[in-house]
Amino acid sequence: MSFPVGTFRLGRRAALAGLGAISVLQGSRPAVAENADTPRQGGTLTVAIQNDSKTLDPTFSFQWAERQILFLIYNTLIATDLDFSLKPELATSWSPENEGHRYVLQLQEGVKFHDGTDFDAAAVKWNLDRRLDDKVNSTQRPQLRPVIESVEVAGPHAVAINLTAPYPPLLAALADRAGFMVSPSAVQKYGQDFGRNPVGTGAFVFKDWNQGVDVTVERNPNYWQKGLPHWDRIVFNDIGTLNIGIQRLLTGEADYLDALSVDELRQIQGDDKLRVEKAKIGRWYTLQFQVDKPPFNDIRLRKAIAYALDRDKINAITMGGQARISNGPIPSGVWWSSPDAIVYDREPARSKELLKQAGIAPGTRLVLSAPDNAVLRKLVQLVVEQLGEVGLDVRLQPVAQSEWYARVVQKAIDFTPMRWTQLADPDGMLYVLLDSKGYANTTGYSNPEVDRMLEEARQSLDQAKRKALYAAVKTKVMEDLPYIPLYFSAEYAAIAKSVKGFAWPPDQIPRFRDTWRGEA
């Protein structure tokens, strides 16, 4: 079963602009020449990463960087393909029963966890029950607890998930964090230290983690998918800044780096050892507020900020004009896309009038917190400049990249840029960000009407109805403005030409399991 998506249209001319000799791969799969190359065994893949990981236990994962590593140590029950369609992984098949109130998953046989224990239906039940347990307090519990009534062992290699109501996004959730299967025995052995001693069924076995330096995983010699993996080991080097990663790419110390802007690509222009892939959708860049406390609980201030911004200029300077301006959290090219009902174009006079209505005097100070990376540094400087033009005195507060999102989750930051990737089902982003119970709702946003529509959308088996509900959610959220949408980014991954078999998924989380070292 799969959820269809629209065709991704990237704009070849725009993607190639200014990139000189760098090869940009536009398709969703590697080039034909790479497919014809016979995979080779051995070697080390070195990934340059801004690693703010807090845990390698997927039950508690919430950081962006963690998933790059999780997809190697663990398998999910279901996987996503390069068009967001769903395909088998640890589950070989799945079927809905009782009008969508129950799913039965058939499981791979003969799979072992890295500690030698069996992966079976009992392990799946244990993993899902752990996520649902209020005492465990998994990051996925708010998403799953309202919809999963119980999990049953339906046979040695069959598990049944009973739902409180139909829940079409379930399968997509099981292709992400909620679907990573950990070893029950290892959790019992390590307890709270399991996140530093992860054990899964994946193609790679955890070796070590030097906080702030690197994470190393090594080939699983007993991996259940025959012929995989090809690498002996993969090392994730914590680079701190993208500039350090770029230098390591140029010197050959790193094979892979992503989240690159057009400006950063120019630094590797002409290096014939590298190739580039463009993100198929791009991350949703926004400004977000704590809307449940002053001063950002005043909608007039939030709208004044929206009308003060020149998003075309921000796009031109931070993304080389290649990003797609956003008027909500839903991109084009996916089945849940919808026309823009509300647009906040730059209107300085209207912004000043809203500030006056809100009793916000010229010179009022706001604090904008942001991590120090190239794109966000330029972005927040432009925001400061443009808000200054309507009389707001915005002061920048730098935050360490490794601590930024953790502080956002703790609600210790009131005003910050943010970026999110799309997932295979809209519930995976829209519910967790916008529902008052969503685990990634870090704005304090709560609107009963939005909650009702999100709940109705996640329970409907009618895709047309779901699309209409998400369009209505988008309109209401644009009225309430917990986020000011900026754009869907133009971002790139750079990879050594000697690395074969790589294709960048639309969620921008690289999967290195199928790659290998070939000829450059």
Protein backbone atom coordinates (compact mmCIF):
# COMPACT_ATOMS: atom_id res chain seq x y z
CA MET A 1 0.00 0.00 0.00
CA SER A 2 1.35 3.45 -0.85
CA PHE A 3 0.39 7.08 -0.73
CA PRO A 4 0.92 8.69 -4.18
CA VAL A 5 2.72 11.95 -4.62
CA GLY A 6 2.93 14.37 -7.49
CA THR A 7 5.88 14.67 -9.82
CA PHE A 8 8.83 16.61 -8.48
CA ARG A 9 9.78 19.45 -10.83
CA LEU A 10 13.11 20.96 -9.93
CA GLY A 11 13.81 23.34 -12.79
CA ARG A 12 17.00 22.17 -14.48
CA ARG A 13 18.08 25.61 -15.63
CA ALA A 14 17.82 27.04 -12.12
CA ALA A 15 19.57 24.08 -10.57
CA LEU A 16 22.52 24.38 -12.93
CA ALA A 17 22.86 28.15 -12.66
CA GLY A 18 26.22 29.23 -11.29
CA LEU A 19 27.47 25.72 -10.57
CA GLY A 20 30.07 25.61 -13.31
CA ALA A 21 31.71 22.21 -13.65
CA ILE A 22 29.80 20.66 -10.75
CA SER A 23 27.53 17.85 -11.91
CA VAL A 24 23.98 18.18 -10.57
CA LEU A 25 21.97 14.95 -10.52
CA GLN A 26 18.34 15.81 -11.17
CA GLY A 27 16.72 12.38 -11.19
CA SER A 28 15.59 10.41 -8.19
CA ARG A 29 17.96 7.55 -8.98
CA PRO A 30 21.69 7.29 -9.69
CA ALA A 31 22.87 7.66 -13.27
CA VAL A 32 22.72 4.67 -15.59
CA ALA A 33 26.50 4.33 -15.56
CA GLU A 34 26.40 3.93 -11.78
CA ASN A 35 23.66 1.32 -11.92
CA ALA A 36 25.84 -0.64 -14.33
CA ASP A 37 28.81 -0.50 -11.96
CA THR A 38 29.25 -3.68 -9.94
CA PRO A 39 29.17 -2.97 -6.18
CA ARG A 40 32.49 -3.47 -4.41
CA GLN A 41 33.01 -4.58 -0.86
CA GLY A 42 35.13 -2.79 1.71
CA GLY A 43 36.44 0.63 2.57
CA THR A 44 35.30 3.49 4.78
CA LEU A 45 32.70 6.13 3.98
CA THR A 46 33.31 9.41 5.78
CA VAL A 47 30.31 11.67 6.31
CA ALA A 48 30.73 15.29 7.39
CA ILE A 49 27.81 16.22 9.62
CA GLN A 50 26.75 18.99 11.97
CA ASN A 51 26.01 16.43 14.66
CA ASP A 52 23.73 17.66 17.43
CA SER A 53 22.64 14.13 18.32
CA LYS A 54 21.44 13.57 21.88
CA THR A 55 20.56 9.87 21.71
CA LEU A 56 20.75 6.89 19.36
CA ASP A 57 17.64 5.36 20.91
CA PRO A 58 14.95 6.09 18.29
CA THR A 59 12.26 5.91 20.95
CA PHE A 60 13.47 9.28 22.25
CA SER A 61 15.01 10.75 19.09
CA PHE A 62 14.08 14.28 18.03
CA GLN A 63 17.22 15.75 16.44
CA TRP A 64 17.69 16.03 12.67
CA ALA A 65 21.18 14.49 12.58
CA GLU A 66 20.25 11.43 14.60
CA ARG A 67 18.25 9.86 11.79
CA GLN A 68 21.24 9.63 9.43
CA ILE A 69 22.83 7.27 11.95
CA LEU A 70 19.61 5.53 13.03
CA PHE A 71 18.89 4.36 9.48
CA LEU A 72 22.17 2.42 9.53
CA ILE A 73 21.97 0.81 12.98
CA TYR A 74 18.26 -0.04 12.73
CA ASN A 75 15.68 -1.09 10.20
CA THR A 76 12.19 0.34 10.13
CA LEU A 77 9.15 -1.90 9.77
CA ILE A 78 8.30 -0.19 6.48
CA ALA A 79 10.51 1.87 4.16
CA THR A 80 9.92 4.79 1.82
CA ASP A 81 11.05 4.85 -1.79
CA LEU A 82 12.41 7.84 -3.67
CA ASP A 83 8.90 9.05 -4.55
CA PHE A 84 7.59 8.72 -0.95
CA SER A 85 5.76 5.48 -1.82
CA LEU A 86 5.97 2.76 0.82
CA LYS A 87 7.79 -0.55 0.42
CA PRO A 88 8.64 -3.57 2.60
CA GLU A 89 11.48 -3.56 5.10
CA LEU A 90 11.20 -5.63 8.31
CA ALA A 91 7.53 -6.06 7.42
CA THR A 92 7.15 -8.01 4.18
CA SER A 93 3.50 -7.06 3.72
CA TRP A 94 0.61 -5.38 5.51
CA SER A 95 -3.14 -5.44 5.15
CA PRO A 96 -5.94 -3.35 6.67
CA GLU A 97 -8.87 -5.12 8.31
CA ASN A 98 -12.15 -4.07 9.93
CA GLU A 99 -12.52 -0.98 7.74
CA GLY A 100 -9.09 0.34 8.66
CA HIS A 101 -9.35 -0.26 12.42
CA ARG A 102 -6.70 -2.99 12.34
CA TYR A 103 -3.50 -3.65 10.41
CA VAL A 104 -1.78 -7.03 10.25
CA LEU A 105 1.92 -6.96 9.38
CA GLN A 106 3.77 -10.04 8.15
CA LEU A 107 7.44 -9.96 9.22
CA GLN A 108 10.77 -11.07 7.81
CA GLU A 109 11.90 -14.43 9.13
CA GLY A 110 15.43 -15.29 10.22
CA VAL A 111 16.37 -11.74 11.23
CA LYS A 112 18.61 -11.26 14.26
CA PHE A 113 19.41 -8.22 16.35
CA HIS A 114 23.11 -7.37 16.61
CA ASP A 115 23.23 -9.06 20.03
CA GLY A 116 22.09 -12.36 18.49
CA THR A 117 18.53 -12.27 19.81
CA ASP A 118 15.59 -12.92 17.49
CA PHE A 119 13.60 -10.28 15.70
CA ASP A 120 10.02 -11.53 15.75
CA ALA A 121 6.45 -10.46 16.46
CA ALA A 122 7.10 -10.36 20.21
CA ALA A 123 9.93 -7.87 19.63
CA VAL A 124 7.69 -5.66 17.49
CA LYS A 125 4.96 -5.68 20.13
CA TRP A 126 7.54 -4.81 22.81
CA ASN A 127 8.89 -1.90 20.72
CA LEU A 128 5.47 -0.42 20.00
CA ASP A 129 4.24 -0.93 23.56
CA ARG A 130 7.35 0.88 24.80
CA ARG A 131 6.51 3.87 22.62
CA LEU A 132 2.93 3.90 23.92
CA ASP A 133 3.91 3.63 27.60
CA ASP A 134 3.19 6.88 29.46
CA LYS A 135 6.02 6.13 31.90
CA VAL A 136 8.56 5.78 29.08
CA ASN A 137 7.46 9.12 27.58
CA SER A 138 8.67 8.47 24.03
CA THR A 139 8.80 11.42 21.64
CA GLN A 140 6.41 9.44 19.43
CA ARG A 141 3.85 8.75 22.18
CA PRO A 142 1.71 11.89 21.52
CA GLN A 143 1.43 10.89 17.87
CA LEU A 144 0.68 7.19 18.44
CA ARG A 145 -1.10 6.93 21.80
CA PRO A 146 -4.42 8.44 20.65
CA VAL A 147 -4.69 6.08 17.66
CA ILE A 148 -3.18 2.73 18.72
CA GLU A 149 -5.48 0.81 21.03
CA SER A 150 -3.33 -2.31 21.36
CA VAL A 151 -0.66 -4.42 19.69
CA GLU A 152 -1.04 -8.21 19.43
CA VAL A 153 1.25 -11.06 18.50
CA ALA A 154 -0.72 -12.75 15.70
CA GLY A 155 1.88 -15.45 15.08
CA PRO A 156 5.65 -15.88 15.41
CA HIS A 157 6.17 -13.48 12.50
CA ALA A 158 2.88 -11.61 12.37
CA VAL A 159 1.77 -8.64 14.43
CA ALA A 160 -1.63 -6.95 14.59
CA ILE A 161 -2.05 -3.27 15.41
CA ASN A 162 -5.54 -2.39 16.64
CA LEU A 163 -6.58 1.22 16.17
CA THR A 164 -9.10 3.40 17.97
CA ALA A 165 -10.15 4.71 14.54
CA PRO A 166 -8.89 4.38 10.97
CA TYR A 167 -5.43 5.94 10.74
CA PRO A 168 -3.99 6.04 7.19
CA PRO A 169 -0.72 7.73 8.32
CA LEU A 170 0.21 4.68 10.42
CA LEU A 171 2.24 3.02 7.68
CA ALA A 172 4.25 6.17 6.96
CA ALA A 173 4.90 6.58 10.69
CA LEU A 174 6.29 3.04 10.76
CA ALA A 175 8.73 4.08 8.01
CA ASP A 176 10.25 6.71 10.28
CA ARG A 177 11.19 6.97 13.97
CA ALA A 178 8.17 5.03 15.21
CA GLY A 179 9.17 2.06 13.06
CA PHE A 180 12.80 1.62 14.13
CA MET A 181 13.10 -1.70 15.94
CA VAL A 182 15.52 -1.91 18.89
CA SER A 183 16.66 -5.03 20.74
CA PRO A 184 14.47 -5.57 23.83
CA SER A 185 17.29 -7.53 25.48
CA ALA A 186 19.77 -4.71 24.92
CA VAL A 187 17.39 -2.11 26.39
CA GLN A 188 16.97 -4.30 29.46
CA LYS A 189 20.76 -4.71 29.67
CA TYR A 190 21.76 -1.06 29.27
CA GLY A 191 18.71 0.70 30.70
CA GLN A 192 19.01 4.48 30.44
CA ASP A 193 22.40 4.06 28.73
CA PHE A 194 20.91 2.28 25.71
CA GLY A 195 20.98 5.53 23.72
CA ARG A 196 24.79 5.37 23.93
CA ASN A 197 24.87 1.60 23.27
CA PRO A 198 22.34 1.11 20.47
CA VAL A 199 21.49 -2.38 19.18
CA GLY A 200 19.27 -2.93 16.15
CA THR A 201 18.87 -5.20 13.13
CA GLY A 202 20.50 -2.77 10.70
CA ALA A 203 23.26 -3.12 8.14
CA PHE A 204 25.78 -1.57 10.52
CA VAL A 205 26.69 -2.26 14.12
CA PHE A 206 27.42 0.61 16.50
CA LYS A 207 31.14 0.89 17.33
CA ASP A 208 31.68 4.10 19.31
CA TRP A 209 30.56 7.71 19.83
CA ASN A 210 32.99 10.43 20.79
CA GLN A 211 30.69 13.35 21.61
CA GLY A 212 31.54 16.36 19.46
CA VAL A 213 34.07 14.36 17.42
CA ASP A 214 32.63 11.34 15.59
CA VAL A 215 30.30 8.35 15.52
CA THR A 216 31.52 5.09 13.96
CA VAL A 217 29.43 2.15 12.77
CA GLU A 218 30.85 -1.07 11.31
CA ARG A 219 29.59 -3.64 8.82
CA ASN A 220 27.10 -6.16 10.20
CA PRO A 221 28.54 -9.50 8.97
CA ASN A 222 25.22 -11.23 9.66
CA TYR A 223 22.95 -8.71 7.98
CA TRP A 224 19.70 -10.26 6.80
CA GLN A 225 19.64 -8.54 3.38
CA LYS A 226 22.09 -10.62 1.37
CA GLY A 227 24.97 -8.77 -0.27
CA LEU A 228 24.64 -5.72 1.97
CA PRO A 229 26.24 -3.61 3.22
CA HIS A 230 29.28 -2.89 1.06
CA TRP A 231 31.28 -0.63 3.38
CA ASP A 232 33.46 -1.96 6.19
CA ARG A 233 32.58 1.09 8.25
CA ILE A 234 30.98 4.52 8.09
CA VAL A 235 32.33 7.40 10.15
CA PHE A 236 30.24 10.50 10.91
CA ASN A 237 32.65 13.34 11.62
CA ASP A 238 31.21 16.25 13.60
CA ILE A 239 32.29 19.32 11.62
CA GLY A 240 30.83 22.11 13.74
CA THR A 241 30.36 24.37 10.70
CA LEU A 242 29.66 23.75 7.02
CA ASN A 243 32.86 25.58 6.05
CA ILE A 244 34.90 22.94 7.87
CA GLY A 245 32.93 20.25 6.03
CA ILE A 246 33.58 21.94 2.68
CA GLN A 247 37.32 22.02 3.34
CA ARG A 248 37.25 18.32 4.20
CA LEU A 249 35.40 17.57 0.97
CA LEU A 250 38.00 19.48 -1.02
CA THR A 251 40.91 17.69 0.65
CA GLY A 252 39.28 14.27 0.33
CA GLU A 253 38.92 13.86 4.10
CA ALA A 254 35.13 13.63 3.70
CA ASP A 255 33.01 11.86 1.09
CA TYR A 256 29.65 13.50 1.81
CA LEU A 257 28.16 16.77 3.06
CA ASP A 258 24.62 18.10 2.74
CA ALA A 259 22.46 21.14 3.62
CA LEU A 260 24.58 23.24 1.24
CA SER A 261 23.31 26.52 -0.20
CA VAL A 262 24.11 27.90 -3.66
CA ASP A 263 26.80 30.15 -2.16
CA GLU A 264 28.44 27.21 -0.43
CA LEU A 265 28.40 25.20 -3.65
CA ARG A 266 30.51 27.89 -5.29
CA GLN A 267 33.32 27.00 -2.90
CA ILE A 268 33.59 23.56 -4.49
CA GLN A 269 32.97 24.73 -8.05
CA GLY A 270 35.31 23.09 -10.52
CA ASP A 271 36.29 20.17 -8.29
CA ASP A 272 35.88 17.22 -10.66
CA LYS A 273 36.05 14.70 -7.80
CA LEU A 274 32.61 15.78 -6.53
CA ARG A 275 29.05 15.65 -7.77
CA VAL A 276 25.95 17.35 -6.43
CA GLU A 277 22.31 16.44 -5.86
CA LYS A 278 19.54 18.96 -5.32
CA ALA A 279 16.82 18.41 -2.72
CA LYS A 280 13.60 17.34 -4.41
CA ILE A 281 11.27 19.42 -2.23
CA GLY A 282 13.52 21.39 0.10
CA ARG A 283 13.08 22.12 3.75
CA TRP A 284 10.36 24.49 4.93
CA TYR A 285 12.10 27.57 6.32
CA THR A 286 10.09 29.70 8.73
CA LEU A 287 10.27 32.12 11.60
CA GLN A 288 8.54 30.74 14.66
CA PHE A 289 7.31 32.31 17.89
CA GLN A 290 6.27 31.34 21.39
CA VAL A 291 2.67 32.36 20.80
CA ASP A 292 1.46 31.51 24.30
CA LYS A 293 3.33 34.30 26.09
CA PRO A 294 4.09 38.00 25.54
CA PRO A 295 4.94 39.69 23.32
CA PHE A 296 4.31 37.14 20.58
CA ASN A 297 0.88 36.13 21.89
CA ASP A 298 -0.38 39.28 20.12
CA ILE A 299 -1.39 38.34 16.58
CA ARG A 300 -0.94 41.96 15.52
CA LEU A 301 2.79 41.77 16.28
CA ARG A 302 3.15 38.51 14.37
CA LYS A 303 1.31 39.91 11.36
CA ALA A 304 3.34 43.12 11.54
CA ILE A 305 6.52 41.06 11.32
CA ALA A 306 5.11 39.11 8.36
CA TYR A 307 4.22 42.27 6.45
CA ALA A 308 7.65 43.77 7.17
CA LEU A 309 9.57 40.97 5.47
CA ASP A 310 10.79 40.99 1.88
CA ARG A 311 10.88 37.25 1.27
CA ASP A 312 12.02 37.63 -2.33
CA LYS A 313 15.11 39.47 -1.11
CA ILE A 314 15.70 36.89 1.60
CA ASN A 315 15.46 34.16 -1.04
CA ALA A 316 17.82 36.01 -3.38
CA ILE A 317 20.51 36.52 -0.75
CA THR A 318 20.27 33.24 1.18
CA MET A 319 19.30 30.83 -1.61
CA GLY A 320 20.46 32.55 -4.78
CA GLY A 321 16.81 33.07 -5.70
CA GLN A 322 16.35 29.32 -6.24
CA ALA A 323 14.05 28.60 -3.27
CA ARG A 324 10.27 28.55 -3.73
CA ILE A 325 8.46 31.20 -1.70
CA SER A 326 6.14 29.56 0.81
CA ASN A 327 2.69 30.67 1.88
CA GLY A 328 2.15 27.83 4.31
CA PRO A 329 3.60 24.50 5.44
CA ILE A 330 2.54 22.51 2.35
CA PRO A 331 4.79 22.40 -0.74
CA SER A 332 3.79 21.95 -4.35
CA GLY A 333 4.27 18.57 -6.00
CA VAL A 334 2.68 16.40 -3.29
CA TRP A 335 -0.85 15.02 -3.22
CA TRP A 336 -1.85 17.27 -0.32
CA SER A 337 -0.82 20.51 -2.11
CA SER A 338 -3.38 23.32 -2.25
CA PRO A 339 -3.65 26.88 -3.61
CA ASP A 340 -2.53 29.74 -1.37
CA ALA A 341 -5.53 31.38 0.31
CA ILE A 342 -3.57 33.90 2.40
CA VAL A 343 -0.37 35.65 1.34
CA TYR A 344 1.77 38.08 3.35
CA ASP A 345 3.59 40.27 0.85
CA ARG A 346 5.86 43.08 2.01
CA GLU A 347 3.73 46.06 3.11
CA PRO A 348 5.77 48.27 5.50
CA ALA A 349 2.97 50.79 6.00
CA ARG A 350 0.55 48.05 7.00
CA SER A 351 3.18 46.59 9.32
CA LYS A 352 3.64 49.93 11.10
CA GLU A 353 -0.12 50.36 11.48
CA LEU A 354 -0.43 46.92 13.10
CA LEU A 355 2.39 47.76 15.51
CA LYS A 356 0.62 50.99 16.40
CA GLN A 357 -2.65 49.13 17.01
CA ALA A 358 -0.80 46.70 19.28
CA GLY A 359 0.69 49.57 21.30
CA ILE A 360 4.22 48.63 20.29
CA ALA A 361 6.28 51.80 20.17
CA PRO A 362 9.12 52.45 17.72
CA GLY A 363 12.37 51.13 19.17
CA THR A 364 10.73 48.20 20.97
CA ARG A 365 13.35 45.50 21.44
CA LEU A 366 12.92 41.86 20.40
CA VAL A 367 15.44 39.02 20.72
CA LEU A 368 15.97 36.71 17.75
CA SER A 369 17.92 33.52 18.59
CA ALA A 370 19.67 31.47 15.91
CA PRO A 371 22.50 28.99 15.43
CA ASP A 372 25.57 30.14 13.56
CA ASN A 373 25.44 28.60 10.11
CA ALA A 374 25.86 30.38 6.80
CA VAL A 375 22.25 30.40 5.57
CA LEU A 376 20.64 31.21 8.92
CA ARG A 377 23.27 33.84 9.65
CA LYS A 378 22.36 35.70 6.46
CA LEU A 379 18.66 35.09 7.02
CA VAL A 380 18.51 36.53 10.51
CA GLN A 381 20.64 39.52 9.53
CA LEU A 382 18.10 40.32 6.81
CA VAL A 383 15.23 39.88 9.27
CA VAL A 384 16.92 42.30 11.69
CA GLU A 385 17.42 44.82 8.89
CA GLN A 386 13.87 44.57 7.53
CA LEU A 387 12.19 44.71 10.94
CA GLY A 388 14.34 47.71 11.77
CA GLU A 389 12.76 49.50 8.81
CA VAL A 390 9.36 49.33 10.55
CA GLY A 391 10.73 50.46 13.91
CA LEU A 392 11.56 47.21 15.72
CA ASP A 393 14.94 46.92 17.45
CA VAL A 394 15.82 43.25 16.99
CA ARG A 395 18.90 41.92 18.76
CA LEU A 396 20.55 38.69 17.66
CA GLN A 397 21.31 36.02 20.25
CA PRO A 398 23.70 33.35 18.89
CA VAL A 399 23.08 29.78 20.05
CA ALA A 400 25.42 26.82 19.59
CA GLN A 401 24.21 24.57 16.77
CA SER A 402 24.46 21.56 19.10
CA GLU A 403 22.11 23.19 21.64
CA TRP A 404 19.75 25.20 19.45
CA TYR A 405 16.90 22.77 18.82
CA ALA A 406 17.13 21.30 22.31
CA ARG A 407 16.53 24.81 23.69
CA VAL A 408 13.63 25.30 21.26
CA VAL A 409 12.06 22.07 22.56
CA GLN A 410 12.54 23.32 26.13
CA LYS A 411 10.71 26.53 25.06
CA ALA A 412 13.70 28.56 26.18
CA ILE A 413 13.70 30.46 22.86
CA ASP A 414 10.83 32.80 21.93
CA PHE A 415 11.72 33.86 18.38
CA THR A 416 13.89 31.84 16.00
CA PRO A 417 14.20 30.60 12.43
CA MET A 418 13.22 26.98 11.93
CA ARG A 419 13.31 24.41 9.11
CA TRP A 420 11.38 21.18 8.56
CA THR A 421 11.41 18.39 5.99
CA GLN A 422 8.34 16.78 4.49
CA LEU A 423 7.51 13.16 5.26
CA ALA A 424 5.67 10.47 3.31
CA ASP A 425 2.32 11.44 4.84
CA PRO A 426 1.29 15.01 5.79
CA ASP A 427 0.28 13.87 9.27
CA GLY A 428 3.97 13.24 9.98
CA MET A 429 4.70 16.96 9.86
CA LEU A 430 1.42 18.87 10.14
CA TYR A 431 0.02 17.01 13.15
CA VAL A 432 3.25 16.99 15.14
CA LEU A 433 3.86 20.71 14.50
CA LEU A 434 0.38 22.19 14.62
CA ASP A 435 -1.83 20.05 16.83
CA SER A 436 -1.85 21.26 20.42
CA LYS A 437 -0.72 17.74 21.44
CA GLY A 438 1.94 17.40 18.72
CA TYR A 439 5.32 16.35 20.09
CA ALA A 440 7.14 18.90 17.90
CA ASN A 441 4.73 21.74 18.71
CA THR A 442 7.31 24.05 20.26
CA THR A 443 5.38 27.28 19.64
CA GLY A 444 2.62 26.79 22.21
CA TYR A 445 0.10 27.08 19.37
CA SER A 446 -3.35 25.73 20.21
CA ASN A 447 -6.47 26.13 18.11
CA PRO A 448 -9.36 23.70 18.73
CA GLU A 449 -10.56 24.06 15.14
CA VAL A 450 -7.13 23.12 13.78
CA ASP A 451 -6.93 20.21 16.23
CA ARG A 452 -10.33 18.97 15.06
CA MET A 453 -9.41 19.17 11.37
CA LEU A 454 -6.05 17.47 11.89
CA GLU A 455 -7.74 14.70 13.88
CA GLU A 456 -10.39 14.24 11.20
CA ALA A 457 -7.76 14.19 8.44
CA ARG A 458 -5.64 11.55 10.13
CA GLN A 459 -8.67 9.26 10.52
CA SER A 460 -10.16 9.59 7.04
CA LEU A 461 -9.67 6.89 4.39
CA ASP A 462 -10.80 9.37 1.70
CA GLN A 463 -7.72 11.06 0.27
CA ALA A 464 -9.74 13.86 -1.37
CA LYS A 465 -11.33 14.65 1.99
CA ARG A 466 -7.93 14.63 3.67
CA LYS A 467 -6.57 17.02 1.05
CA ALA A 468 -9.47 19.44 1.62
CA LEU A 469 -8.95 19.31 5.38
CA TYR A 470 -5.22 20.02 5.06
CA ALA A 471 -6.01 22.96 2.78
CA ALA A 472 -8.33 24.34 5.48
CA VAL A 473 -5.66 23.76 8.14
CA LYS A 474 -3.15 25.66 6.01
CA THR A 475 -5.53 28.62 5.67
CA LYS A 476 -6.32 28.73 9.39
CA VAL A 477 -2.67 28.47 10.37
CA MET A 478 -1.83 31.32 8.02
CA GLU A 479 -4.49 33.39 9.77
CA ASP A 480 -3.07 32.55 13.21
CA LEU A 481 0.63 32.75 12.21
CA PRO A 482 2.47 30.67 14.80
CA TYR A 483 4.99 30.43 11.97
CA ILE A 484 5.85 32.99 9.31
CA PRO A 485 6.58 30.94 6.18
CA LEU A 486 9.61 31.98 4.17
CA TYR A 487 10.37 29.40 1.49
CA PHE A 488 10.99 25.80 0.55
CA SER A 489 14.75 25.78 0.31
CA ALA A 490 17.13 25.10 -2.54
CA GLU A 491 19.61 22.83 -0.80
CA TYR A 492 22.25 20.49 -2.10
CA ALA A 493 24.28 17.45 -1.12
CA ALA A 494 27.88 17.07 -2.33
CA ILE A 495 29.31 13.58 -2.62
CA ALA A 496 32.54 12.10 -3.93
CA LYS A 497 32.12 10.69 -7.44
CA SER A 498 33.78 7.51 -6.22
CA VAL A 499 30.73 6.85 -4.01
CA LYS A 500 28.25 4.88 -6.08
CA GLY A 501 24.60 3.98 -5.69
CA PHE A 502 23.59 7.15 -3.85
CA ALA A 503 20.27 8.95 -4.32
CA TRP A 504 18.98 11.66 -1.98
CA PRO A 505 15.46 10.90 -0.66
CA PRO A 506 12.83 13.66 -0.55
CA ASP A 507 13.02 13.80 3.26
CA GLN A 508 16.72 14.75 2.84
CA ILE A 509 17.86 12.03 5.25
CA PRO A 510 20.57 10.13 3.33
CA ARG A 511 20.45 6.33 3.34
CA PHE A 512 23.99 5.02 2.86
CA ARG A 513 23.22 1.32 3.24
CA ASP A 514 23.20 0.61 -0.51
CA THR A 515 26.24 2.72 -1.48
CA TRP A 516 29.79 1.58 -2.21
CA ARG A 517 33.19 2.80 -3.38
CA GLY A 518 33.82 2.59 -7.12
CA GLU A 519 35.89 4.46 -9.66
CA ALA A 520 35.71 8.26 -9.51
